[in-house]
Protein backbone atom coordinates (compact mmCIF):
# COMPACT_ATOMS: atom_id res chain seq x y z
CA MET A 1 78.80 -17.58 102.80
CA PRO A 2 80.76 -15.36 100.36
CA ALA A 3 77.69 -15.27 98.00
CA ALA A 4 75.73 -13.85 101.05
CA GLY A 5 78.35 -11.39 101.82
CA CYS A 6 78.44 -10.07 98.15
CA ARG A 7 74.68 -9.50 98.57
CA PHE A 8 75.18 -7.75 101.73
CA THR A 9 77.79 -5.67 100.14
CA VAL A 10 75.74 -4.86 97.09
CA CYS A 11 73.18 -4.03 99.13
CA VAL A 12 75.09 -1.55 101.70
CA MET A 13 76.71 -0.12 98.50
CA THR A 14 73.28 0.49 96.83
CA ARG A 15 71.85 2.19 99.89
CA ARG A 16 75.12 4.32 99.89
CA LEU A 17 74.24 5.42 96.39
CA ILE A 18 70.59 5.73 96.50
CA LEU A 19 70.65 8.04 99.62
CA PRO A 20 72.76 10.67 97.80
CA ALA A 21 70.93 10.48 94.80
CA VAL A 22 67.84 10.92 96.56
CA LEU A 23 68.84 13.64 98.42
CA LEU A 24 70.10 15.27 95.24
CA LEU A 25 66.72 14.77 93.33
CA GLY A 26 65.25 16.75 96.80
CA LEU A 27 67.48 19.60 96.45
CA ALA A 28 67.10 19.97 92.50
CA GLY A 29 63.59 19.83 93.03
CA CYS A 30 63.73 22.64 95.59
CA SER A 31 65.88 24.56 93.74
CA SER A 32 64.07 24.33 90.55
CA SER A 33 60.77 25.47 92.03
CA THR A 34 62.39 28.24 93.57
CA SER A 35 63.58 29.65 90.55
CA ASP A 36 60.71 28.89 88.69
CA ASP A 37 58.55 30.91 91.16
CA THR A 38 60.93 34.02 90.66
CA SER A 39 61.02 33.71 87.01
CA ALA A 40 57.25 32.44 86.24
CA PRO A 41 55.76 36.08 85.79
CA GLU A 42 58.43 37.22 83.36
CA GLU A 43 58.10 34.22 81.22
CA THR A 44 54.47 34.37 81.25
CA ALA A 45 54.64 38.04 80.30
CA ALA A 46 57.18 37.25 77.45
CA GLN A 47 54.84 34.43 76.17
CA SER A 48 51.80 36.61 76.04
CA PRO A 49 50.64 37.54 72.38
CA GLU A 50 50.56 41.20 72.98
CA VAL A 51 54.13 41.22 74.31
CA ALA A 52 55.38 39.23 71.11
CA VAL A 53 53.59 41.42 69.11
CA CYS A 54 55.29 44.42 70.51
CA GLU A 55 58.66 42.65 70.25
CA GLY A 56 58.05 42.12 66.70
CA PHE A 57 57.64 45.91 66.24
CA TYR A 58 60.09 47.27 68.48
CA GLU A 59 62.94 44.71 68.20
CA GLY A 60 64.00 42.43 65.58
CA THR A 61 66.83 41.98 62.94
CA GLY A 62 68.03 45.11 61.28
CA THR A 63 65.86 48.33 61.61
CA PRO A 64 62.79 47.63 64.03
CA LEU A 65 59.45 48.25 62.18
CA ALA A 66 58.79 51.11 64.66
CA GLU A 67 61.81 53.10 63.43
CA ARG A 68 61.18 52.32 59.78
CA ALA A 69 57.29 53.26 60.06
CA GLU A 70 58.56 57.07 61.53
CA ASN A 71 61.28 57.31 58.93
CA ALA A 72 58.58 56.19 56.00
CA ARG A 73 56.07 58.82 57.38
CA GLU A 74 58.67 61.33 57.21
CA ALA A 75 59.59 60.41 53.66
CA LEU A 76 56.23 60.35 52.58
CA THR A 77 55.34 63.78 53.91
CA ALA A 78 58.54 65.06 52.39
CA GLY A 79 57.81 63.87 48.90
CA GLU A 80 60.87 61.56 48.98
CA VAL A 81 59.29 58.50 48.23
CA GLU A 82 60.07 57.78 44.46
CA ALA A 83 60.16 54.86 42.22
CA GLY A 84 63.05 52.87 43.40
CA ALA A 85 64.61 51.87 46.78
CA SER A 86 62.36 54.57 48.68
CA TYR A 87 59.15 53.04 47.42
CA SER A 88 60.58 49.63 47.69
CA GLU A 89 60.97 50.39 51.39
CA VAL A 90 57.31 51.54 52.09
CA ASN A 91 56.13 48.55 50.24
CA ALA A 92 58.01 46.13 52.28
CA LEU A 93 57.20 47.98 55.43
CA GLU A 94 53.61 47.90 54.50
CA GLN A 95 53.86 43.80 54.12
CA ARG A 96 55.72 43.61 57.40
CA ILE A 97 53.13 45.40 59.24
CA THR A 98 50.25 43.62 57.88
CA GLU A 99 52.01 40.31 58.62
CA LEU A 100 52.50 41.20 62.26
CA GLY A 101 49.08 42.66 62.54
CA SER A 102 47.44 39.25 61.30
CA ASP A 103 48.70 37.37 64.21
CA ALA A 104 48.08 40.37 66.70
CA PRO A 105 45.11 40.46 69.44
CA THR A 106 42.47 42.49 68.07
CA ASP A 107 43.13 45.84 69.93
CA LEU A 108 47.01 45.61 68.89
CA ALA A 109 45.92 44.55 65.23
CA THR A 110 43.67 47.78 64.93
CA LEU A 111 46.25 50.16 66.17
CA LEU A 112 48.93 48.44 63.59
CA GLU A 113 46.27 48.84 61.05
CA GLU A 114 46.04 52.49 61.70
CA ILE A 115 49.83 52.59 61.56
CA ASN A 116 50.07 50.92 58.46
CA ALA A 117 47.41 53.16 56.68
CA PRO A 118 49.56 55.63 54.89
CA PHE A 119 51.58 52.74 53.54
CA THR A 120 48.77 50.98 52.49
CA GLU A 121 47.52 54.09 50.59
CA ALA A 122 50.79 54.59 49.01
CA VAL A 123 51.10 51.05 47.65
CA ALA A 124 47.59 51.08 46.32
CA ALA A 125 48.32 54.49 44.77
CA VAL A 126 51.54 52.90 42.88
CA ASN A 127 49.63 50.07 42.14
CA GLU A 128 46.60 51.94 40.41
CA ALA A 129 49.19 54.02 38.61
CA SER A 130 51.18 51.18 37.27
CA ALA A 131 48.01 49.63 36.06
CA ALA A 132 46.63 52.91 34.16
CA GLU A 133 47.15 52.81 30.33
CA VAL A 134 49.51 54.77 28.94
CA PRO A 135 50.55 55.58 25.54
CA GLU A 136 52.78 53.04 24.14
CA GLY A 137 56.67 53.35 25.02
CA GLU A 138 55.70 55.35 28.00
CA GLU A 139 56.33 54.66 31.52
CA PRO A 140 53.48 54.99 34.06
CA GLN A 141 53.91 58.14 35.95
CA PHE A 142 54.88 57.79 39.81
CA PRO A 143 52.04 59.38 41.78
CA ASP A 144 52.71 62.17 44.14
CA LEU A 145 52.53 60.40 47.59
CA SER A 146 53.30 63.63 49.69
CA THR A 147 49.57 64.35 49.86
CA ILE A 148 49.14 61.24 51.88
CA ASP A 149 47.81 62.02 55.57
CA VAL A 150 50.08 60.59 57.96
CA SER A 151 48.93 62.26 61.32
CA GLY A 152 46.64 59.03 62.08
CA SER A 153 49.58 56.70 61.70
CA GLU A 154 51.64 58.87 64.07
CA ALA A 155 48.70 58.90 66.72
CA ALA A 156 48.27 55.15 66.31
CA GLN A 157 52.01 54.38 67.02
CA ALA A 158 51.76 56.53 70.13
CA GLU A 159 48.76 54.56 71.18
CA PHE A 160 50.46 51.33 70.55
CA GLU A 161 53.52 52.13 72.53
CA THR A 162 51.20 52.76 75.61
CA ALA A 163 49.10 49.70 74.74
CA CYS A 164 52.59 47.86 74.84
CA ALA A 165 53.84 49.14 77.96
CA ASP A 166 50.29 48.28 79.42
CA ALA A 167 50.80 44.73 78.32
CA GLY A 168 54.05 44.47 80.21
CA TYR A 169 56.36 45.04 77.16
CA GLY A 170 59.90 46.97 78.31
CA ALA A 171 58.77 46.52 81.93
């Protein structure tokens, strides 16, 4: 009989443990579906390719690309981009925007290409000047980049901002 009593005790104890476990699972299921329902639109928006590209342009480590692009356009217009650090910044910016645009949806990629146009033109001009033949012992002359038109880039950045807002970025 003791064996039967042990089985009964084990059975009663098991039932006592199973019932709270089932209730906890039920509550966990209810609470997680409730929180998923309220956060699902935010998660979907955060995972969209458009928002990811916008985040890449307006956020990130260090100075955001958007701010760097504004500063580089101002420097180009003012004739402040010369060999050295100022040109290195334009070159690095051009590469980063190109990289971001390669993974962007078509409409945003087109705008990024327009934003990047003066920087791409500056890099091409410097590369061309570097490849030019110069007399032995002389350095290639750094091109005058102040003649590069940046107005299309400014307009494209304004359109990009609108497109990002329409995609749900910053909402």
